[in-house]
């Protein structure tokens, strides 16, 4: 008799050319991820060859009950690390039956910005550092923390090893390998300053693919924590008090910044970002005011400042960039729950298209 695990891991390619495609989209909160699966007659590698699909938007907070049909447009394909074989994960965005992007579809507007010839010519690279916190399921308290109590002060936990300092490494490593399997340009992981908090990095990736490659690893992480019976939180300040928050530092460069004389281009781009500080902050994640306090490696939310190697700045420029006169900078303001379509496209728009 087969066990449940045997059936879950069944390789359908042994006797069928059919594959399973998991269609994934962002739900009505702007942060919740939804998905459903369908059978396709054979392998697909081009998202334009995939069929559109509908769902009940009234059940995701994205449409009224009397007109609830929302249409999924496939946009990017990744290998499925859960079903494996030729099965795929499909990142989609959502439209009305008339073909209009629904209000929570942030990908559509981002794609328009990244399709601008002036943006394409500059080949914008992004490296995004996605922080998150693992929580015990029934108490919503960080993994490894005594229930109702606190661990020792911050200091020993960042990039730590050991059962008394590092909590959830099996989940983190499973996520790392599953993301690599999926084809995500995931470039690393590390334990963070607050115990139970971790980070993965994606990039460098070009344009809108950087945002797709944050949403899909978020989906994979949610699925893995579901299996492990653990909750993943993207709250920018999950624990009040003297504990680090969680961000999504966004490293950015353009072709001009990466070439000789690029440091001057970087400084001009940072000046533009400073002029639109309030607009960026308003789009950089919910609850970010709890994180951007001027403490715990952040700048105050109402203050814009940049500096070389300054982790208390809004924008940090690396020592290597200063020394070589070219390179990239890091926008440290985005919260862990930011929408990467919004953040990446807004940085490109401000630095490449906006004229003060």
C-alpha atoms as a PDB file:
ATOM      1  CA  UNK A   1       0.000   0.000   0.000  1.00  0.00           C
ATOM      2  CA  UNK A   2       1.346   3.436  -0.947  1.00  0.00           C
ATOM      3  CA  UNK A   3       1.938   5.978   1.770  1.00  0.00           C
ATOM      4  CA  UNK A   4       0.732   9.552   1.344  1.00  0.00           C
ATOM      5  CA  UNK A   5       4.322  10.730   0.837  1.00  0.00           C
ATOM      6  CA  UNK A   6       4.737   8.213  -1.991  1.00  0.00           C
ATOM      7  CA  UNK A   7       1.714   9.627  -3.811  1.00  0.00           C
ATOM      8  CA  UNK A   8       2.719  13.251  -3.222  1.00  0.00           C
ATOM      9  CA  UNK A   9       6.115  12.465  -4.786  1.00  0.00           C
ATOM     10  CA  UNK A  10       4.690  10.410  -7.653  1.00  0.00           C
ATOM     11  CA  UNK A  11       6.478  11.123 -10.953  1.00  0.00           C
ATOM     12  CA  UNK A  12       3.654  11.528 -13.480  1.00  0.00           C
ATOM     13  CA  UNK A  13       6.145  11.750 -16.370  1.00  0.00           C
ATOM     14  CA  UNK A  14       6.544   7.967 -16.167  1.00  0.00           C
ATOM     15  CA  UNK A  15       3.258   7.415 -17.987  1.00  0.00           C
ATOM     16  CA  UNK A  16       1.982  10.817 -19.178  1.00  0.00           C
ATOM     17  CA  UNK A  17       3.206  13.831 -21.139  1.00  0.00           C
ATOM     18  CA  UNK A  18       0.811  16.038 -19.192  1.00  0.00           C
ATOM     19  CA  UNK A  19       2.195  18.560 -16.732  1.00  0.00           C
ATOM     20  CA  UNK A  20       0.825  20.569 -13.808  1.00  0.00           C
ATOM     21  CA  UNK A  21       1.081  24.362 -13.917  1.00  0.00           C
ATOM     22  CA  UNK A  22       0.643  26.250 -10.637  1.00  0.00           C
ATOM     23  CA  UNK A  23      -0.710  29.731 -11.462  1.00  0.00           C
ATOM     24  CA  UNK A  24       0.408  32.257  -8.823  1.00  0.00           C
ATOM     25  CA  UNK A  25      -0.803  35.810  -8.244  1.00  0.00           C
ATOM     26  CA  UNK A  26      -0.816  38.556  -5.616  1.00  0.00           C
ATOM     27  CA  UNK A  27      -4.076  38.793  -3.658  1.00  0.00           C
ATOM     28  CA  UNK A  28      -6.192  41.710  -2.524  1.00  0.00           C
ATOM     29  CA  UNK A  29      -4.064  42.774   0.441  1.00  0.00           C
ATOM     30  CA  UNK A  30      -1.132  43.376  -1.891  1.00  0.00           C
ATOM     31  CA  UNK A  31       0.944  40.958   0.157  1.00  0.00           C
ATOM     32  CA  UNK A  32      -1.012  37.678   0.294  1.00  0.00           C
ATOM     33  CA  UNK A  33      -0.178  35.178  -2.404  1.00  0.00           C
ATOM     34  CA  UNK A  34      -2.750  32.934  -4.037  1.00  0.00           C
ATOM     35  CA  UNK A  35      -2.354  29.982  -6.386  1.00  0.00           C
ATOM     36  CA  UNK A  36      -4.231  27.205  -8.116  1.00  0.00           C
ATOM     37  CA  UNK A  37      -3.165  24.405 -10.430  1.00  0.00           C
ATOM     38  CA  UNK A  38      -4.253  23.176 -13.837  1.00  0.00           C
ATOM     39  CA  UNK A  39      -3.291  20.324 -16.135  1.00  0.00           C
ATOM     40  CA  UNK A  40      -1.643  21.105 -19.477  1.00  0.00           C
ATOM     41  CA  UNK A  41      -1.129  18.646 -22.361  1.00  0.00           C
ATOM     42  CA  UNK A  42       2.668  18.945 -22.372  1.00  0.00           C
ATOM     43  CA  UNK A  43       5.739  20.936 -21.304  1.00  0.00           C
ATOM     44  CA  UNK A  44       5.704  24.735 -21.795  1.00  0.00           C
ATOM     45  CA  UNK A  45       8.661  27.124 -21.556  1.00  0.00           C
ATOM     46  CA  UNK A  46       7.182  30.324 -23.021  1.00  0.00           C
ATOM     47  CA  UNK A  47       4.575  32.144 -20.882  1.00  0.00           C
ATOM     48  CA  UNK A  48       2.888  33.513 -24.018  1.00  0.00           C
ATOM     49  CA  UNK A  49       2.014  29.906 -24.937  1.00  0.00           C
ATOM     50  CA  UNK A  50       0.117  29.391 -21.676  1.00  0.00           C
ATOM     51  CA  UNK A  51      -3.654  29.869 -21.528  1.00  0.00           C
ATOM     52  CA  UNK A  52      -5.174  32.714 -19.543  1.00  0.00           C
ATOM     53  CA  UNK A  53      -7.314  31.609 -16.619  1.00  0.00           C
ATOM     54  CA  UNK A  54      -9.975  33.114 -14.419  1.00  0.00           C
ATOM     55  CA  UNK A  55     -10.619  33.129 -10.682  1.00  0.00           C
ATOM     56  CA  UNK A  56     -13.209  34.427  -8.211  1.00  0.00           C
ATOM     57  CA  UNK A  57     -11.954  37.896  -7.318  1.00  0.00           C
ATOM     58  CA  UNK A  58     -14.708  38.390  -4.746  1.00  0.00           C
ATOM     59  CA  UNK A  59     -12.992  35.736  -2.604  1.00  0.00           C
ATOM     60  CA  UNK A  60      -9.604  37.485  -2.727  1.00  0.00           C
ATOM     61  CA  UNK A  61     -10.786  41.058  -2.135  1.00  0.00           C
ATOM     62  CA  UNK A  62     -10.211  41.978  -5.785  1.00  0.00           C
ATOM     63  CA  UNK A  63     -13.704  42.134  -7.295  1.00  0.00           C
ATOM     64  CA  UNK A  64     -17.357  42.586  -6.206  1.00  0.00           C
ATOM     65  CA  UNK A  65     -19.569  39.521  -5.871  1.00  0.00           C
ATOM     66  CA  UNK A  66     -21.897  40.606  -8.678  1.00  0.00           C
ATOM     67  CA  UNK A  67     -18.981  40.870 -11.146  1.00  0.00           C
ATOM     68  CA  UNK A  68     -16.343  38.614  -9.647  1.00  0.00           C
ATOM     69  CA  UNK A  69     -14.435  37.210 -12.613  1.00  0.00           C
ATOM     70  CA  UNK A  70     -10.758  38.199 -12.774  1.00  0.00           C
ATOM     71  CA  UNK A  71      -8.427  36.979 -15.520  1.00  0.00           C
ATOM     72  CA  UNK A  72      -4.878  35.733 -14.921  1.00  0.00           C
ATOM     73  CA  UNK A  73      -2.279  36.562 -17.587  1.00  0.00           C
ATOM     74  CA  UNK A  74       0.809  34.292 -17.365  1.00  0.00           C
ATOM     75  CA  UNK A  75       3.999  36.399 -17.283  1.00  0.00           C
ATOM     76  CA  UNK A  76       6.944  34.270 -16.131  1.00  0.00           C
ATOM     77  CA  UNK A  77       7.671  30.545 -15.798  1.00  0.00           C
ATOM     78  CA  UNK A  78       9.785  28.788 -13.156  1.00  0.00           C
ATOM     79  CA  UNK A  79      10.435  25.118 -12.474  1.00  0.00           C
ATOM     80  CA  UNK A  80       8.265  23.653  -9.717  1.00  0.00           C
ATOM     81  CA  UNK A  81      10.498  22.411  -6.838  1.00  0.00           C
ATOM     82  CA  UNK A  82       7.563  20.695  -5.139  1.00  0.00           C
ATOM     83  CA  UNK A  83       6.208  18.589  -8.012  1.00  0.00           C
ATOM     84  CA  UNK A  84       9.484  18.624  -9.997  1.00  0.00           C
ATOM     85  CA  UNK A  85       9.716  16.983 -13.422  1.00  0.00           C
ATOM     86  CA  UNK A  86       8.346  19.227 -16.178  1.00  0.00           C
ATOM     87  CA  UNK A  87       5.822  20.840 -13.831  1.00  0.00           C
ATOM     88  CA  UNK A  88       5.990  24.615 -13.513  1.00  0.00           C
ATOM     89  CA  UNK A  89       5.226  27.638 -11.352  1.00  0.00           C
ATOM     90  CA  UNK A  90       3.674  30.509 -13.304  1.00  0.00           C
ATOM     91  CA  UNK A  91       3.819  34.112 -12.094  1.00  0.00           C
ATOM     92  CA  UNK A  92       0.689  35.901 -13.279  1.00  0.00           C
ATOM     93  CA  UNK A  93      -0.872  39.332 -13.057  1.00  0.00           C
ATOM     94  CA  UNK A  94      -4.588  40.061 -12.973  1.00  0.00           C
ATOM     95  CA  UNK A  95      -7.006  41.862 -15.312  1.00  0.00           C
ATOM     96  CA  UNK A  96     -10.700  42.504 -15.759  1.00  0.00           C
ATOM     97  CA  UNK A  97     -12.483  40.527 -18.517  1.00  0.00           C
ATOM     98  CA  UNK A  98     -12.191  43.715 -20.620  1.00  0.00           C
ATOM     99  CA  UNK A  99      -8.394  43.539 -20.359  1.00  0.00           C
ATOM    100  CA  UNK A 100      -7.843  46.367 -17.854  1.00  0.00           C
ATOM    101  CA  UNK A 101      -5.341  45.755 -15.036  1.00  0.00           C
ATOM    102  CA  UNK A 102      -7.147  45.527 -11.694  1.00  0.00           C
ATOM    103  CA  UNK A 103      -6.054  48.036  -8.994  1.00  0.00           C
ATOM    104  CA  UNK A 104      -3.864  45.519  -7.155  1.00  0.00           C
ATOM    105  CA  UNK A 105      -1.995  44.584 -10.342  1.00  0.00           C
ATOM    106  CA  UNK A 106       1.246  46.502  -9.778  1.00  0.00           C
ATOM    107  CA  UNK A 107       3.155  44.506 -12.386  1.00  0.00           C
ATOM    108  CA  UNK A 108       1.396  46.124 -15.341  1.00  0.00           C
ATOM    109  CA  UNK A 109       2.523  49.680 -14.517  1.00  0.00           C
ATOM    110  CA  UNK A 110       6.033  48.434 -13.691  1.00  0.00           C
ATOM    111  CA  UNK A 111       6.253  46.661 -17.056  1.00  0.00           C
ATOM    112  CA  UNK A 112       5.385  49.924 -18.828  1.00  0.00           C
ATOM    113  CA  UNK A 113       8.225  51.742 -17.043  1.00  0.00           C
ATOM    114  CA  UNK A 114      10.709  48.960 -17.794  1.00  0.00           C
ATOM    115  CA  UNK A 115       9.598  48.968 -21.455  1.00  0.00           C
ATOM    116  CA  UNK A 116      10.551  52.648 -21.840  1.00  0.00           C
ATOM    117  CA  UNK A 117      13.475  52.901 -24.303  1.00  0.00           C
ATOM    118  CA  UNK A 118      15.411  55.188 -21.931  1.00  0.00           C
ATOM    119  CA  UNK A 119      15.157  52.548 -19.194  1.00  0.00           C
ATOM    120  CA  UNK A 120      15.969  49.640 -21.511  1.00  0.00           C
ATOM    121  CA  UNK A 121      19.110  51.443 -22.714  1.00  0.00           C
ATOM    122  CA  UNK A 122      20.406  51.723 -19.142  1.00  0.00           C
ATOM    123  CA  UNK A 123      19.937  47.985 -18.335  1.00  0.00           C
ATOM    124  CA  UNK A 124      18.951  48.540 -14.672  1.00  0.00           C
ATOM    125  CA  UNK A 125      20.310  45.890 -12.306  1.00  0.00           C
ATOM    126  CA  UNK A 126      18.729  45.119  -8.950  1.00  0.00           C
ATOM    127  CA  UNK A 127      19.943  43.099  -6.002  1.00  0.00           C
ATOM    128  CA  UNK A 128      17.232  42.771  -3.346  1.00  0.00           C
ATOM    129  CA  UNK A 129      17.834  41.629   0.232  1.00  0.00           C
ATOM    130  CA  UNK A 130      14.577  40.106   1.487  1.00  0.00           C
ATOM    131  CA  UNK A 131      14.404  39.840   5.282  1.00  0.00           C
ATOM    132  CA  UNK A 132      11.711  37.806   7.047  1.00  0.00           C
ATOM    133  CA  UNK A 133      10.902  36.375  10.470  1.00  0.00           C
ATOM    134  CA  UNK A 134       9.949  32.790  11.282  1.00  0.00           C
ATOM    135  CA  UNK A 135       7.183  32.481  13.885  1.00  0.00           C
ATOM    136  CA  UNK A 136       5.897  29.617  16.009  1.00  0.00           C
ATOM    137  CA  UNK A 137       2.542  28.744  14.447  1.00  0.00           C
ATOM    138  CA  UNK A 138       0.058  28.826  17.309  1.00  0.00           C
ATOM    139  CA  UNK A 139       1.521  31.722  19.293  1.00  0.00           C
ATOM    140  CA  UNK A 140       2.928  34.008  16.551  1.00  0.00           C
ATOM    141  CA  UNK A 141       6.157  34.392  18.500  1.00  0.00           C
ATOM    142  CA  UNK A 142       9.589  34.136  16.852  1.00  0.00           C
ATOM    143  CA  UNK A 143      11.072  30.699  16.343  1.00  0.00           C
ATOM    144  CA  UNK A 144      13.530  29.824  19.110  1.00  0.00           C
ATOM    145  CA  UNK A 145      12.135  32.381  21.564  1.00  0.00           C
ATOM    146  CA  UNK A 146      10.671  31.186  24.877  1.00  0.00           C
ATOM    147  CA  UNK A 147       6.884  31.493  24.668  1.00  0.00           C
ATOM    148  CA  UNK A 148       5.877  34.745  26.340  1.00  0.00           C
ATOM    149  CA  UNK A 149       9.522  35.575  27.009  1.00  0.00           C
ATOM    150  CA  UNK A 150      12.614  36.931  25.334  1.00  0.00           C
ATOM    151  CA  UNK A 151      16.043  35.582  24.365  1.00  0.00           C
ATOM    152  CA  UNK A 152      19.279  37.312  25.298  1.00  0.00           C
ATOM    153  CA  UNK A 153      20.011  40.714  23.726  1.00  0.00           C
ATOM    154  CA  UNK A 154      21.007  41.063  20.081  1.00  0.00           C
ATOM    155  CA  UNK A 155      24.626  40.471  19.239  1.00  0.00           C
ATOM    156  CA  UNK A 156      25.272  36.715  19.050  1.00  0.00           C
ATOM    157  CA  UNK A 157      22.653  35.888  16.389  1.00  0.00           C
ATOM    158  CA  UNK A 158      23.762  37.571  13.149  1.00  0.00           C
ATOM    159  CA  UNK A 159      25.246  34.912  10.793  1.00  0.00           C
ATOM    160  CA  UNK A 160      25.436  32.638  13.843  1.00  0.00           C
ATOM    161  CA  UNK A 161      25.645  28.877  14.266  1.00  0.00           C
ATOM    162  CA  UNK A 162      24.529  26.693  17.146  1.00  0.00           C
ATOM    163  CA  UNK A 163      21.215  25.456  18.552  1.00  0.00           C
ATOM    164  CA  UNK A 164      21.058  28.305  21.080  1.00  0.00           C
ATOM    165  CA  UNK A 165      21.536  31.057  18.486  1.00  0.00           C
ATOM    166  CA  UNK A 166      20.318  29.884  15.063  1.00  0.00           C
ATOM    167  CA  UNK A 167      16.677  28.898  14.643  1.00  0.00           C
ATOM    168  CA  UNK A 168      15.080  27.521  11.468  1.00  0.00           C
ATOM    169  CA  UNK A 169      18.129  26.711   9.355  1.00  0.00           C
ATOM    170  CA  UNK A 170      16.459  23.620   7.855  1.00  0.00           C
ATOM    171  CA  UNK A 171      13.675  25.822   6.464  1.00  0.00           C
ATOM    172  CA  UNK A 172      16.168  28.389   5.180  1.00  0.00           C
ATOM    173  CA  UNK A 173      18.358  25.820   3.413  1.00  0.00           C
ATOM    174  CA  UNK A 174      15.321  24.064   1.949  1.00  0.00           C
ATOM    175  CA  UNK A 175      14.150  27.406   0.587  1.00  0.00           C
ATOM    176  CA  UNK A 176      17.607  28.237  -0.794  1.00  0.00           C
ATOM    177  CA  UNK A 177      17.865  24.981  -2.753  1.00  0.00           C
ATOM    178  CA  UNK A 178      14.236  25.043  -3.885  1.00  0.00           C
ATOM    179  CA  UNK A 179      14.712  28.578  -5.238  1.00  0.00           C
ATOM    180  CA  UNK A 180      17.851  27.559  -7.125  1.00  0.00           C
ATOM    181  CA  UNK A 181      15.980  24.560  -8.535  1.00  0.00           C
ATOM    182  CA  UNK A 182      13.155  26.857  -9.655  1.00  0.00           C
ATOM    183  CA  UNK A 183      15.612  28.973 -11.642  1.00  0.00           C
ATOM    184  CA  UNK A 184      15.578  31.979  -9.318  1.00  0.00           C
ATOM    185  CA  UNK A 185      18.743  34.084  -9.380  1.00  0.00           C
ATOM    186  CA  UNK A 186      19.046  33.725  -5.615  1.00  0.00           C
ATOM    187  CA  UNK A 187      22.533  34.803  -4.630  1.00  0.00           C
ATOM    188  CA  UNK A 188      22.767  34.025  -0.928  1.00  0.00           C
ATOM    189  CA  UNK A 189      21.232  33.685   2.531  1.00  0.00           C
ATOM    190  CA  UNK A 190      22.189  34.649   6.076  1.00  0.00           C
ATOM    191  CA  UNK A 191      20.864  34.741   9.611  1.00  0.00           C
ATOM    192  CA  UNK A 192      19.901  38.222  10.732  1.00  0.00           C
ATOM    193  CA  UNK A 193      20.486  40.382  13.832  1.00  0.00           C
ATOM    194  CA  UNK A 194      17.241  39.418  15.576  1.00  0.00           C
ATOM    195  CA  UNK A 195      17.001  35.714  16.451  1.00  0.00           C
ATOM    196  CA  UNK A 196      14.473  33.901  14.268  1.00  0.00           C
ATOM    197  CA  UNK A 197      15.000  36.433  11.486  1.00  0.00           C
ATOM    198  CA  UNK A 198      16.662  35.509   8.173  1.00  0.00           C
ATOM    199  CA  UNK A 199      17.424  37.006   4.797  1.00  0.00           C
ATOM    200  CA  UNK A 200      17.763  35.817   1.223  1.00  0.00           C
ATOM    201  CA  UNK A 201      19.227  37.860  -1.606  1.00  0.00           C
ATOM    202  CA  UNK A 202      18.176  37.892  -5.259  1.00  0.00           C
ATOM    203  CA  UNK A 203      20.189  39.367  -8.098  1.00  0.00           C
ATOM    204  CA  UNK A 204      21.715  40.997  -9.864  1.00  0.00           C
ATOM    205  CA  UNK A 205      18.629  40.753 -12.054  1.00  0.00           C
ATOM    206  CA  UNK A 206      17.537  43.067 -14.841  1.00  0.00           C
ATOM    207  CA  UNK A 207      14.362  45.121 -14.771  1.00  0.00           C
ATOM    208  CA  UNK A 208      11.050  43.498 -13.974  1.00  0.00           C
ATOM    209  CA  UNK A 209      12.594  40.031 -13.635  1.00  0.00           C
ATOM    210  CA  UNK A 210      14.055  41.209 -10.296  1.00  0.00           C
ATOM    211  CA  UNK A 211      10.519  41.701  -8.974  1.00  0.00           C
ATOM    212  CA  UNK A 212       9.262  38.349 -10.319  1.00  0.00           C
ATOM    213  CA  UNK A 213      12.268  36.767  -8.612  1.00  0.00           C
ATOM    214  CA  UNK A 214      11.190  38.163  -5.237  1.00  0.00           C
ATOM    215  CA  UNK A 215       7.539  37.156  -5.488  1.00  0.00           C
ATOM    216  CA  UNK A 216       8.264  33.559  -6.515  1.00  0.00           C
ATOM    217  CA  UNK A 217      10.776  32.893  -3.676  1.00  0.00           C
ATOM    218  CA  UNK A 218       8.240  34.432  -1.277  1.00  0.00           C
ATOM    219  CA  UNK A 219       5.713  31.909  -2.605  1.00  0.00           C
ATOM    220  CA  UNK A 220       8.191  29.049  -2.247  1.00  0.00           C
ATOM    221  CA  UNK A 221       9.010  30.158   1.307  1.00  0.00           C
ATOM    222  CA  UNK A 222       5.318  30.259   2.245  1.00  0.00           C
ATOM    223  CA  UNK A 223       4.887  26.727   0.880  1.00  0.00           C
ATOM    224  CA  UNK A 224       7.924  25.397   2.753  1.00  0.00           C
ATOM    225  CA  UNK A 225       6.870  26.977   6.055  1.00  0.00           C
ATOM    226  CA  UNK A 226       3.392  25.517   5.473  1.00  0.00           C
ATOM    227  CA  UNK A 227       4.977  22.058   5.300  1.00  0.00           C
ATOM    228  CA  UNK A 228       7.113  22.771   8.382  1.00  0.00           C
ATOM    229  CA  UNK A 229       4.199  24.084  10.443  1.00  0.00           C
ATOM    230  CA  UNK A 230       5.874  27.459  10.873  1.00  0.00           C
ATOM    231  CA  UNK A 231       4.571  30.936   9.962  1.00  0.00           C
ATOM    232  CA  UNK A 232       6.658  33.369   7.903  1.00  0.00           C
ATOM    233  CA  UNK A 233       6.167  37.063   8.635  1.00  0.00           C
ATOM    234  CA  UNK A 234       7.178  39.948   6.383  1.00  0.00           C
ATOM    235  CA  UNK A 235       6.161  42.517   8.989  1.00  0.00           C
ATOM    236  CA  UNK A 236       8.769  45.317   9.049  1.00  0.00           C
ATOM    237  CA  UNK A 237       8.838  45.396  12.872  1.00  0.00           C
ATOM    238  CA  UNK A 238       7.479  42.085  14.162  1.00  0.00           C
ATOM    239  CA  UNK A 239       8.674  42.640  17.747  1.00  0.00           C
ATOM    240  CA  UNK A 240       8.508  46.128  19.311  1.00  0.00           C
ATOM    241  CA  UNK A 241      11.386  47.442  21.363  1.00  0.00           C
ATOM    242  CA  UNK A 242      15.139  46.942  21.114  1.00  0.00           C
ATOM    243  CA  UNK A 243      14.998  44.456  18.236  1.00  0.00           C
ATOM    244  CA  UNK A 244      15.913  44.986  14.599  1.00  0.00           C
ATOM    245  CA  UNK A 245      13.127  45.348  12.079  1.00  0.00           C
ATOM    246  CA  UNK A 246      12.934  43.626   8.705  1.00  0.00           C
ATOM    247  CA  UNK A 247      13.651  45.381   5.426  1.00  0.00           C
ATOM    248  CA  UNK A 248      14.146  44.722   1.744  1.00  0.00           C
ATOM    249  CA  UNK A 249      17.277  46.720   0.969  1.00  0.00           C
ATOM    250  CA  UNK A 250      17.360  47.323  -2.776  1.00  0.00           C
ATOM    251  CA  UNK A 251      20.731  47.574  -4.512  1.00  0.00           C
ATOM    252  CA  UNK A 252      20.601  49.366  -7.837  1.00  0.00           C
ATOM    253  CA  UNK A 253      22.813  50.325 -10.737  1.00  0.00           C
ATOM    254  CA  UNK A 254      22.478  51.380 -14.341  1.00  0.00           C
ATOM    255  CA  UNK A 255      24.814  50.923 -17.292  1.00  0.00           C
ATOM    256  CA  UNK A 256      26.065  54.496 -16.870  1.00  0.00           C
ATOM    257  CA  UNK A 257      26.725  53.937 -13.160  1.00  0.00           C
ATOM    258  CA  UNK A 258      28.750  50.811 -13.879  1.00  0.00           C
ATOM    259  CA  UNK A 259      31.003  52.565 -16.424  1.00  0.00           C
ATOM    260  CA  UNK A 260      33.850  55.033 -15.906  1.00  0.00           C
ATOM    261  CA  UNK A 261      32.586  58.232 -14.298  1.00  0.00           C
ATOM    262  CA  UNK A 262      29.628  56.367 -12.878  1.00  0.00           C
ATOM    263  CA  UNK A 263      30.035  57.766  -9.371  1.00  0.00           C
ATOM    264  CA  UNK A 264      28.881  61.191 -10.577  1.00  0.00           C
ATOM    265  CA  UNK A 265      25.800  59.562 -12.141  1.00  0.00           C
ATOM    266  CA  UNK A 266      25.158  57.782  -8.830  1.00  0.00           C
ATOM    267  CA  UNK A 267      25.299  61.055  -6.901  1.00  0.00           C
ATOM    268  CA  UNK A 268      22.856  62.707  -9.307  1.00  0.00           C
ATOM    269  CA  UNK A 269      20.483  59.738  -8.986  1.00  0.00           C
ATOM    270  CA  UNK A 270      20.653  59.923  -5.181  1.00  0.00           C
ATOM    271  CA  UNK A 271      19.880  63.640  -5.338  1.00  0.00           C
ATOM    272  CA  UNK A 272      16.742  62.857  -7.338  1.00  0.00           C
ATOM    273  CA  UNK A 273      15.707  60.188  -4.839  1.00  0.00           C
ATOM    274  CA  UNK A 274      16.073  62.723  -2.041  1.00  0.00           C
ATOM    275  CA  UNK A 275      13.743  65.151  -3.811  1.00  0.00           C
ATOM    276  CA  UNK A 276      11.044  62.446  -3.984  1.00  0.00           C
ATOM    277  CA  UNK A 277      11.708  60.980  -0.535  1.00  0.00           C
ATOM    278  CA  UNK A 278       8.111  61.267   0.720  1.00  0.00           C
ATOM    279  CA  UNK A 279       6.662  59.690  -2.412  1.00  0.00           C
ATOM    280  CA  UNK A 280       9.061  56.760  -2.183  1.00  0.00           C
ATOM    281  CA  UNK A 281       8.434  56.252   1.523  1.00  0.00           C
ATOM    282  CA  UNK A 282       4.668  56.146   0.931  1.00  0.00           C
ATOM    283  CA  UNK A 283       5.205  53.318  -1.590  1.00  0.00           C
ATOM    284  CA  UNK A 284       7.886  51.373   0.294  1.00  0.00           C
ATOM    285  CA  UNK A 285       5.701  49.185   2.512  1.00  0.00           C
ATOM    286  CA  UNK A 286       3.022  49.259   5.210  1.00  0.00           C
ATOM    287  CA  UNK A 287       4.108  49.876   8.795  1.00  0.00           C
ATOM    288  CA  UNK A 288       7.542  51.112   7.773  1.00  0.00           C
ATOM    289  CA  UNK A 289       7.299  53.960  10.298  1.00  0.00           C
ATOM    290  CA  UNK A 290       7.714  51.347  13.050  1.00  0.00           C
ATOM    291  CA  UNK A 291      11.023  50.289  11.497  1.00  0.00           C
ATOM    292  CA  UNK A 292      12.562  53.533  10.194  1.00  0.00           C
ATOM    293  CA  UNK A 293      13.210  55.171  13.561  1.00  0.00           C
ATOM    294  CA  UNK A 294      16.833  56.256  13.246  1.00  0.00           C
ATOM    295  CA  UNK A 295      17.858  53.243  15.335  1.00  0.00           C
ATOM    296  CA  UNK A 296      18.695  49.604  14.537  1.00  0.00           C
ATOM    297  CA  UNK A 297      20.589  50.405  11.316  1.00  0.00           C
ATOM    298  CA  UNK A 298      17.952  52.735   9.856  1.00  0.00           C
ATOM    299  CA  UNK A 299      17.530  56.412   9.069  1.00  0.00           C
ATOM    300  CA  UNK A 300      14.527  58.256  10.507  1.00  0.00           C
ATOM    301  CA  UNK A 301      11.528  57.961   8.165  1.00  0.00           C
ATOM    302  CA  UNK A 302      11.239  61.754   7.809  1.00  0.00           C
ATOM    303  CA  UNK A 303      14.927  62.293   7.071  1.00  0.00           C
ATOM    304  CA  UNK A 304      16.761  61.625   3.836  1.00  0.00           C
ATOM    305  CA  UNK A 305      20.497  61.212   4.033  1.00  0.00           C
ATOM    306  CA  UNK A 306      23.111  59.229   2.182  1.00  0.00           C
ATOM    307  CA  UNK A 307      26.646  58.218   3.001  1.00  0.00           C
ATOM    308  CA  UNK A 308      29.499  55.888   2.208  1.00  0.00           C
ATOM    309  CA  UNK A 309      29.371  52.645   4.235  1.00  0.00           C
ATOM    310  CA  UNK A 310      26.710  54.191   6.508  1.00  0.00           C
ATOM    311  CA  UNK A 311      24.075  51.660   7.519  1.00  0.00           C
ATOM    312  CA  UNK A 312      22.176  54.393   9.342  1.00  0.00           C
ATOM    313  CA  UNK A 313      21.551  56.250   6.078  1.00  0.00           C
ATOM    314  CA  UNK A 314      18.608  56.181   3.675  1.00  0.00           C
ATOM    315  CA  UNK A 315      21.003  55.414   0.812  1.00  0.00           C
ATOM    316  CA  UNK A 316      24.325  53.634   1.359  1.00  0.00           C
ATOM    317  CA  UNK A 317      27.184  53.730  -1.126  1.00  0.00           C
ATOM    318  CA  UNK A 318      29.808  51.011  -0.752  1.00  0.00           C
ATOM    319  CA  UNK A 319      33.499  51.701  -0.191  1.00  0.00           C
ATOM    320  CA  UNK A 320      34.367  49.861  -3.414  1.00  0.00           C
ATOM    321  CA  UNK A 321      32.045  52.100  -5.429  1.00  0.00           C
ATOM    322  CA  UNK A 322      33.615  55.231  -3.961  1.00  0.00           C
ATOM    323  CA  UNK A 323      37.130  53.895  -4.542  1.00  0.00           C
ATOM    324  CA  UNK A 324      36.553  52.717  -8.128  1.00  0.00           C
ATOM    325  CA  UNK A 325      34.437  55.716  -9.114  1.00  0.00           C
ATOM    326  CA  UNK A 326      31.639  53.497 -10.425  1.00  0.00           C
ATOM    327  CA  UNK A 327      29.276  50.759  -9.241  1.00  0.00           C
ATOM    328  CA  UNK A 328      25.956  50.750  -7.407  1.00  0.00           C
ATOM    329  CA  UNK A 329      24.117  52.074  -4.371  1.00  0.00           C
ATOM    330  CA  UNK A 330      21.750  50.571  -1.805  1.00  0.00           C
ATOM    331  CA  UNK A 331      18.327  52.017  -1.007  1.00  0.00           C
ATOM    332  CA  UNK A 332      17.835  50.921   2.619  1.00  0.00           C
ATOM    333  CA  UNK A 333      14.330  52.350   3.007  1.00  0.00           C
ATOM    334  CA  UNK A 334      12.054  49.611   1.564  1.00  0.00           C
ATOM    335  CA  UNK A 335      10.272  47.494   4.169  1.00  0.00           C
ATOM    336  CA  UNK A 336      10.252  43.700   4.088  1.00  0.00           C
ATOM    337  CA  UNK A 337       6.603  43.754   2.952  1.00  0.00           C
ATOM    338  CA  UNK A 338       7.216  46.108   0.014  1.00  0.00           C
ATOM    339  CA  UNK A 339       5.877  45.284  -3.433  1.00  0.00           C
ATOM    340  CA  UNK A 340       8.997  44.696  -5.581  1.00  0.00           C
ATOM    341  CA  UNK A 341       7.128  45.742  -8.741  1.00  0.00           C
ATOM    342  CA  UNK A 342       6.456  49.135  -7.154  1.00  0.00           C
ATOM    343  CA  UNK A 343       9.905  49.637  -5.615  1.00  0.00           C
ATOM    344  CA  UNK A 344      12.037  48.579  -8.592  1.00  0.00           C
ATOM    345  CA  UNK A 345      10.009  50.525 -11.149  1.00  0.00           C
ATOM    346  CA  UNK A 346       9.801  53.619  -8.942  1.00  0.00           C
ATOM    347  CA  UNK A 347      13.576  53.717  -8.501  1.00  0.00           C
ATOM    348  CA  UNK A 348      14.010  53.419 -12.276  1.00  0.00           C
ATOM    349  CA  UNK A 349      11.375  56.065 -12.965  1.00  0.00           C
ATOM    350  CA  UNK A 350      12.856  58.573 -10.494  1.00  0.00           C
ATOM    351  CA  UNK A 351      16.479  58.106 -11.539  1.00  0.00           C
ATOM    352  CA  UNK A 352      16.009  57.674 -15.305  1.00  0.00           C
ATOM    353  CA  UNK A 353      12.744  59.294 -16.390  1.00  0.00           C
ATOM    354  CA  UNK A 354      11.841  61.990 -13.858  1.00  0.00           C
ATOM    355  CA  UNK A 355      13.081  65.520 -14.420  1.00  0.00           C
ATOM    356  CA  UNK A 356      12.789  67.754 -11.342  1.00  0.00           C
END
